[in-house]
Amino acid sequence: MSDIFSSFKVSSSGLSAQRRRMDAVASNIANSETTHGPDGTFYKRKRVYFAEDLKQKEFFDEFRQASVKLARTNAHHLAGISAAKREEAGISMVKANEQLDTEDNFKLVFDPTHPDADEKGYVKLPDINVIGEMVDLMVSSRAYEANIVAIDASKNMAMKALDI
């Protein structure tokens, strides 16, 4: 059963990462026309990058323990796969890192009636492509759904195992 709980942890880390990405995209869309925030600073586009969380290799640890047990039962089960190769195949959690665009990443829009327009009539806005952000939101939403399906599949396997 611990393998099923490990799959829950892997999928839940994916859910958390995708939720963080959706939050960043929603913030970007909401502030695409914002010249400055409540604190007076220029809004910077948020970007979320995913990386392997090296601190949480629980799923791989479970896999390694299972393969060691398998190797003890019959030497031919894992023949041709060295310990180093098994270690490279480890699966780990995902973490989301948020980064802000630099201050010089902006677009100038000509609108002399805007209260924040400069002396030439240009307004400095964040360089946010709303259509691109919507695509990111859809991709993140689909990945979120895929993680939910994975959790549901693990849950169903656990329920079927209890029926045996």
C-alpha atoms as a PDB file:
ATOM      1  CA  MET A   1       0.000   0.000   0.000  1.00  0.00           C
ATOM      2  CA  SER A   2       2.911   2.371   0.543  1.00  0.00           C
ATOM      3  CA  ASP A   3       3.496   2.526  -3.234  1.00  0.00           C
ATOM      4  CA  ILE A   4      -0.034   3.817  -3.724  1.00  0.00           C
ATOM      5  CA  PHE A   5       0.470   6.468  -1.045  1.00  0.00           C
ATOM      6  CA  SER A   6       3.717   7.487  -2.763  1.00  0.00           C
ATOM      7  CA  SER A   7       1.820   7.967  -6.018  1.00  0.00           C
ATOM      8  CA  PHE A   8      -0.622  10.175  -4.107  1.00  0.00           C
ATOM      9  CA  LYS A   9       2.305  12.296  -2.896  1.00  0.00           C
ATOM     10  CA  VAL A  10       3.791  12.614  -6.392  1.00  0.00           C
ATOM     11  CA  SER A  11       0.442  13.631  -7.890  1.00  0.00           C
ATOM     12  CA  SER A  12      -0.297  16.034  -5.046  1.00  0.00           C
ATOM     13  CA  SER A  13       3.046  17.772  -5.588  1.00  0.00           C
ATOM     14  CA  GLY A  14       2.029  18.145  -9.243  1.00  0.00           C
ATOM     15  CA  LEU A  15      -1.330  19.572  -8.175  1.00  0.00           C
ATOM     16  CA  SER A  16       0.394  22.117  -5.923  1.00  0.00           C
ATOM     17  CA  ALA A  17       2.806  23.149  -8.671  1.00  0.00           C
ATOM     18  CA  GLN A  18       0.027  23.584 -11.232  1.00  0.00           C
ATOM     19  CA  ARG A  19      -2.107  25.542  -8.754  1.00  0.00           C
ATOM     20  CA  ARG A  20       0.812  27.899  -8.156  1.00  0.00           C
ATOM     21  CA  ARG A  21       1.219  28.322 -11.921  1.00  0.00           C
ATOM     22  CA  MET A  22      -2.510  29.057 -12.335  1.00  0.00           C
ATOM     23  CA  ASP A  23      -2.313  31.647  -9.539  1.00  0.00           C
ATOM     24  CA  ALA A  24       0.586  33.391 -11.283  1.00  0.00           C
ATOM     25  CA  VAL A  25      -1.217  33.376 -14.644  1.00  0.00           C
ATOM     26  CA  ALA A  26      -4.404  34.751 -13.059  1.00  0.00           C
ATOM     27  CA  SER A  27      -2.383  37.524 -11.425  1.00  0.00           C
ATOM     28  CA  ASN A  28      -0.723  38.342 -14.754  1.00  0.00           C
ATOM     29  CA  ILE A  29      -4.055  38.517 -16.593  1.00  0.00           C
ATOM     30  CA  ALA A  30      -5.613  40.666 -13.877  1.00  0.00           C
ATOM     31  CA  ASN A  31      -2.677  43.095 -13.972  1.00  0.00           C
ATOM     32  CA  SER A  32      -2.050  43.191 -17.738  1.00  0.00           C
ATOM     33  CA  GLU A  33      -3.265  46.811 -17.877  1.00  0.00           C
ATOM     34  CA  THR A  34      -1.920  47.863 -14.472  1.00  0.00           C
ATOM     35  CA  THR A  35       0.622  50.657 -14.468  1.00  0.00           C
ATOM     36  CA  HIS A  36       1.487  50.364 -10.786  1.00  0.00           C
ATOM     37  CA  GLY A  37       0.349  48.428  -7.749  1.00  0.00           C
ATOM     38  CA  PRO A  38      -1.011  49.704  -4.441  1.00  0.00           C
ATOM     39  CA  ASP A  39       2.541  50.174  -3.189  1.00  0.00           C
ATOM     40  CA  GLY A  40       3.357  52.367  -6.206  1.00  0.00           C
ATOM     41  CA  THR A  41       5.797  49.943  -7.847  1.00  0.00           C
ATOM     42  CA  PHE A  42       5.552  48.759 -11.444  1.00  0.00           C
ATOM     43  CA  TYR A  43       3.833  45.357 -11.823  1.00  0.00           C
ATOM     44  CA  LYS A  44       6.247  42.635 -12.977  1.00  0.00           C
ATOM     45  CA  ARG A  45       5.006  39.566 -14.822  1.00  0.00           C
ATOM     46  CA  LYS A  46       5.220  36.364 -12.782  1.00  0.00           C
ATOM     47  CA  ARG A  47       6.614  33.192 -14.336  1.00  0.00           C
ATOM     48  CA  VAL A  48       6.534  29.764 -12.729  1.00  0.00           C
ATOM     49  CA  TYR A  49       9.163  27.171 -13.589  1.00  0.00           C
ATOM     50  CA  PHE A  50       9.066  23.540 -12.547  1.00  0.00           C
ATOM     51  CA  ALA A  51      12.033  21.599 -11.246  1.00  0.00           C
ATOM     52  CA  GLU A  52      12.736  18.315  -9.549  1.00  0.00           C
ATOM     53  CA  ASP A  53      12.485  18.521  -5.780  1.00  0.00           C
ATOM     54  CA  LEU A  54      15.649  16.743  -4.695  1.00  0.00           C
ATOM     55  CA  LYS A  55      14.633  16.900  -1.049  1.00  0.00           C
ATOM     56  CA  GLN A  56      11.664  14.615  -1.578  1.00  0.00           C
ATOM     57  CA  LYS A  57      12.684  11.449  -3.369  1.00  0.00           C
ATOM     58  CA  GLU A  58      10.175   9.321  -1.495  1.00  0.00           C
ATOM     59  CA  PHE A  59       8.743   7.645  -4.589  1.00  0.00           C
ATOM     60  CA  PHE A  60      12.225   6.655  -5.746  1.00  0.00           C
ATOM     61  CA  ASP A  61      13.077   5.302  -2.304  1.00  0.00           C
ATOM     62  CA  GLU A  62       9.993   3.082  -2.440  1.00  0.00           C
ATOM     63  CA  PHE A  63      10.948   1.943  -5.949  1.00  0.00           C
ATOM     64  CA  ARG A  64      14.472   1.093  -4.861  1.00  0.00           C
ATOM     65  CA  GLN A  65      13.263  -0.909  -1.875  1.00  0.00           C
ATOM     66  CA  ALA A  66      10.865  -2.839  -4.087  1.00  0.00           C
ATOM     67  CA  SER A  67      13.573  -3.594  -6.673  1.00  0.00           C
ATOM     68  CA  VAL A  68      15.980  -4.793  -3.968  1.00  0.00           C
ATOM     69  CA  LYS A  69      13.328  -7.235  -2.753  1.00  0.00           C
ATOM     70  CA  LEU A  70      12.777  -8.357  -6.327  1.00  0.00           C
ATOM     71  CA  ALA A  71      16.512  -8.819  -6.905  1.00  0.00           C
ATOM     72  CA  ARG A  72      16.680 -11.133  -3.873  1.00  0.00           C
ATOM     73  CA  THR A  73      13.959 -13.458  -5.143  1.00  0.00           C
ATOM     74  CA  ASN A  74      15.608 -14.286  -8.454  1.00  0.00           C
ATOM     75  CA  ALA A  75      18.865 -12.996  -9.907  1.00  0.00           C
ATOM     76  CA  HIS A  76      17.362 -12.867 -13.422  1.00  0.00           C
ATOM     77  CA  HIS A  77      14.562 -10.435 -12.542  1.00  0.00           C
ATOM     78  CA  LEU A  78      16.755  -7.359 -12.816  1.00  0.00           C
ATOM     79  CA  ALA A  79      19.540  -8.812 -14.960  1.00  0.00           C
ATOM     80  CA  GLY A  80      21.248  -6.237 -17.142  1.00  0.00           C
ATOM     81  CA  ILE A  81      20.129  -3.295 -15.018  1.00  0.00           C
ATOM     82  CA  SER A  82      22.916  -2.000 -12.843  1.00  0.00           C
ATOM     83  CA  ALA A  83      22.284  -0.280  -9.531  1.00  0.00           C
ATOM     84  CA  ALA A  84      23.491   2.995 -11.088  1.00  0.00           C
ATOM     85  CA  LYS A  85      20.920   2.689 -13.888  1.00  0.00           C
ATOM     86  CA  ARG A  86      18.140   2.005 -11.381  1.00  0.00           C
ATOM     87  CA  GLU A  87      19.220   5.069  -9.416  1.00  0.00           C
ATOM     88  CA  GLU A  88      19.041   7.251 -12.569  1.00  0.00           C
ATOM     89  CA  ALA A  89      15.460   6.107 -13.183  1.00  0.00           C
ATOM     90  CA  GLY A  90      14.248   7.546  -9.895  1.00  0.00           C
ATOM     91  CA  ILE A  91      11.032   9.494  -9.815  1.00  0.00           C
ATOM     92  CA  SER A  92      10.758  12.421  -7.466  1.00  0.00           C
ATOM     93  CA  MET A  93       8.433  15.243  -6.516  1.00  0.00           C
ATOM     94  CA  VAL A  94       8.077  18.489  -8.444  1.00  0.00           C
ATOM     95  CA  LYS A  95       8.541  21.975  -7.066  1.00  0.00           C
ATOM     96  CA  ALA A  96       7.429  25.274  -8.559  1.00  0.00           C
ATOM     97  CA  ASN A  97       9.769  28.260  -8.585  1.00  0.00           C
ATOM     98  CA  GLU A  98       8.287  31.692  -9.201  1.00  0.00           C
ATOM     99  CA  GLN A  99      10.323  34.417 -10.847  1.00  0.00           C
ATOM    100  CA  LEU A 100       9.444  38.007 -11.643  1.00  0.00           C
ATOM    101  CA  ASP A 101      10.297  39.740 -14.901  1.00  0.00           C
ATOM    102  CA  THR A 102      12.833  42.522 -14.763  1.00  0.00           C
ATOM    103  CA  GLU A 103      11.812  46.160 -14.435  1.00  0.00           C
ATOM    104  CA  ASP A 104      12.862  46.855 -18.042  1.00  0.00           C
ATOM    105  CA  ASN A 105      10.471  44.250 -19.500  1.00  0.00           C
ATOM    106  CA  PHE A 106       7.517  46.457 -20.459  1.00  0.00           C
ATOM    107  CA  LYS A 107       5.581  47.773 -23.447  1.00  0.00           C
ATOM    108  CA  LEU A 108       4.787  51.376 -24.272  1.00  0.00           C
ATOM    109  CA  VAL A 109       1.231  52.200 -25.295  1.00  0.00           C
ATOM    110  CA  PHE A 110       0.273  55.584 -26.715  1.00  0.00           C
ATOM    111  CA  ASP A 111      -2.585  56.957 -24.617  1.00  0.00           C
ATOM    112  CA  PRO A 112      -2.185  60.664 -23.793  1.00  0.00           C
ATOM    113  CA  THR A 113      -5.461  60.631 -21.789  1.00  0.00           C
ATOM    114  CA  HIS A 114      -4.168  58.059 -19.297  1.00  0.00           C
ATOM    115  CA  PRO A 115      -3.264  59.593 -15.905  1.00  0.00           C
ATOM    116  CA  ASP A 116       0.092  57.742 -15.869  1.00  0.00           C
ATOM    117  CA  ALA A 117       1.131  58.850 -19.372  1.00  0.00           C
ATOM    118  CA  ASP A 118       4.526  60.505 -19.716  1.00  0.00           C
ATOM    119  CA  GLU A 119       5.099  63.879 -21.377  1.00  0.00           C
ATOM    120  CA  LYS A 120       5.029  62.230 -24.848  1.00  0.00           C
ATOM    121  CA  GLY A 121       1.706  60.479 -24.144  1.00  0.00           C
ATOM    122  CA  TYR A 122       3.073  56.954 -23.644  1.00  0.00           C
ATOM    123  CA  VAL A 123       2.014  54.654 -20.819  1.00  0.00           C
ATOM    124  CA  LYS A 124       4.381  52.005 -19.504  1.00  0.00           C
ATOM    125  CA  LEU A 125       2.508  48.669 -19.117  1.00  0.00           C
ATOM    126  CA  PRO A 126       3.737  45.189 -18.195  1.00  0.00           C
ATOM    127  CA  ASP A 127       4.698  43.088 -21.217  1.00  0.00           C
ATOM    128  CA  ILE A 128       1.909  40.538 -20.767  1.00  0.00           C
ATOM    129  CA  ASN A 129       0.332  38.774 -23.718  1.00  0.00           C
ATOM    130  CA  VAL A 130      -3.155  37.889 -22.475  1.00  0.00           C
ATOM    131  CA  ILE A 131      -3.656  35.239 -25.180  1.00  0.00           C
ATOM    132  CA  GLY A 132      -0.361  33.566 -24.245  1.00  0.00           C
ATOM    133  CA  GLU A 133      -1.356  33.680 -20.592  1.00  0.00           C
ATOM    134  CA  MET A 134      -4.711  32.051 -21.421  1.00  0.00           C
ATOM    135  CA  VAL A 135      -2.873  29.258 -23.254  1.00  0.00           C
ATOM    136  CA  ASP A 136      -0.656  28.779 -20.190  1.00  0.00           C
ATOM    137  CA  LEU A 137      -3.783  28.656 -18.046  1.00  0.00           C
ATOM    138  CA  MET A 138      -5.345  25.982 -20.257  1.00  0.00           C
ATOM    139  CA  VAL A 139      -2.170  23.881 -20.257  1.00  0.00           C
ATOM    140  CA  SER A 140      -1.910  24.164 -16.496  1.00  0.00           C
ATOM    141  CA  SER A 141      -5.583  23.269 -16.105  1.00  0.00           C
ATOM    142  CA  ARG A 142      -5.132  20.126 -18.228  1.00  0.00           C
ATOM    143  CA  ALA A 143      -2.059  19.100 -16.235  1.00  0.00           C
ATOM    144  CA  TYR A 144      -4.033  19.658 -13.031  1.00  0.00           C
ATOM    145  CA  GLU A 145      -6.793  17.402 -14.370  1.00  0.00           C
ATOM    146  CA  ALA A 146      -4.217  14.751 -15.335  1.00  0.00           C
ATOM    147  CA  ASN A 147      -2.905  14.697 -11.775  1.00  0.00           C
ATOM    148  CA  ILE A 148      -6.449  14.288 -10.461  1.00  0.00           C
ATOM    149  CA  VAL A 149      -6.964  11.345 -12.841  1.00  0.00           C
ATOM    150  CA  ALA A 150      -3.714   9.792 -11.587  1.00  0.00           C
ATOM    151  CA  ILE A 151      -4.875  10.127  -7.982  1.00  0.00           C
ATOM    152  CA  ASP A 152      -8.237   8.620  -8.897  1.00  0.00           C
ATOM    153  CA  ALA A 153      -6.528   5.689 -10.667  1.00  0.00           C
ATOM    154  CA  SER A 154      -4.336   5.044  -7.614  1.00  0.00           C
ATOM    155  CA  LYS A 155      -7.389   5.195  -5.380  1.00  0.00           C
ATOM    156  CA  ASN A 156      -9.240   2.716  -7.600  1.00  0.00           C
ATOM    157  CA  MET A 157      -6.254   0.338  -7.561  1.00  0.00           C
ATOM    158  CA  ALA A 158      -6.190   0.487  -3.776  1.00  0.00           C
ATOM    159  CA  MET A 159      -9.900  -0.245  -3.616  1.00  0.00           C
ATOM    160  CA  LYS A 160      -9.530  -3.196  -6.016  1.00  0.00           C
ATOM    161  CA  ALA A 161      -6.613  -4.516  -3.965  1.00  0.00           C
ATOM    162  CA  LEU A 162      -8.812  -4.458  -0.861  1.00  0.00           C
ATOM    163  CA  ASP A 163     -11.421  -6.541  -2.706  1.00  0.00           C
ATOM    164  CA  ILE A 164      -8.942  -9.381  -3.306  1.00  0.00           C
END
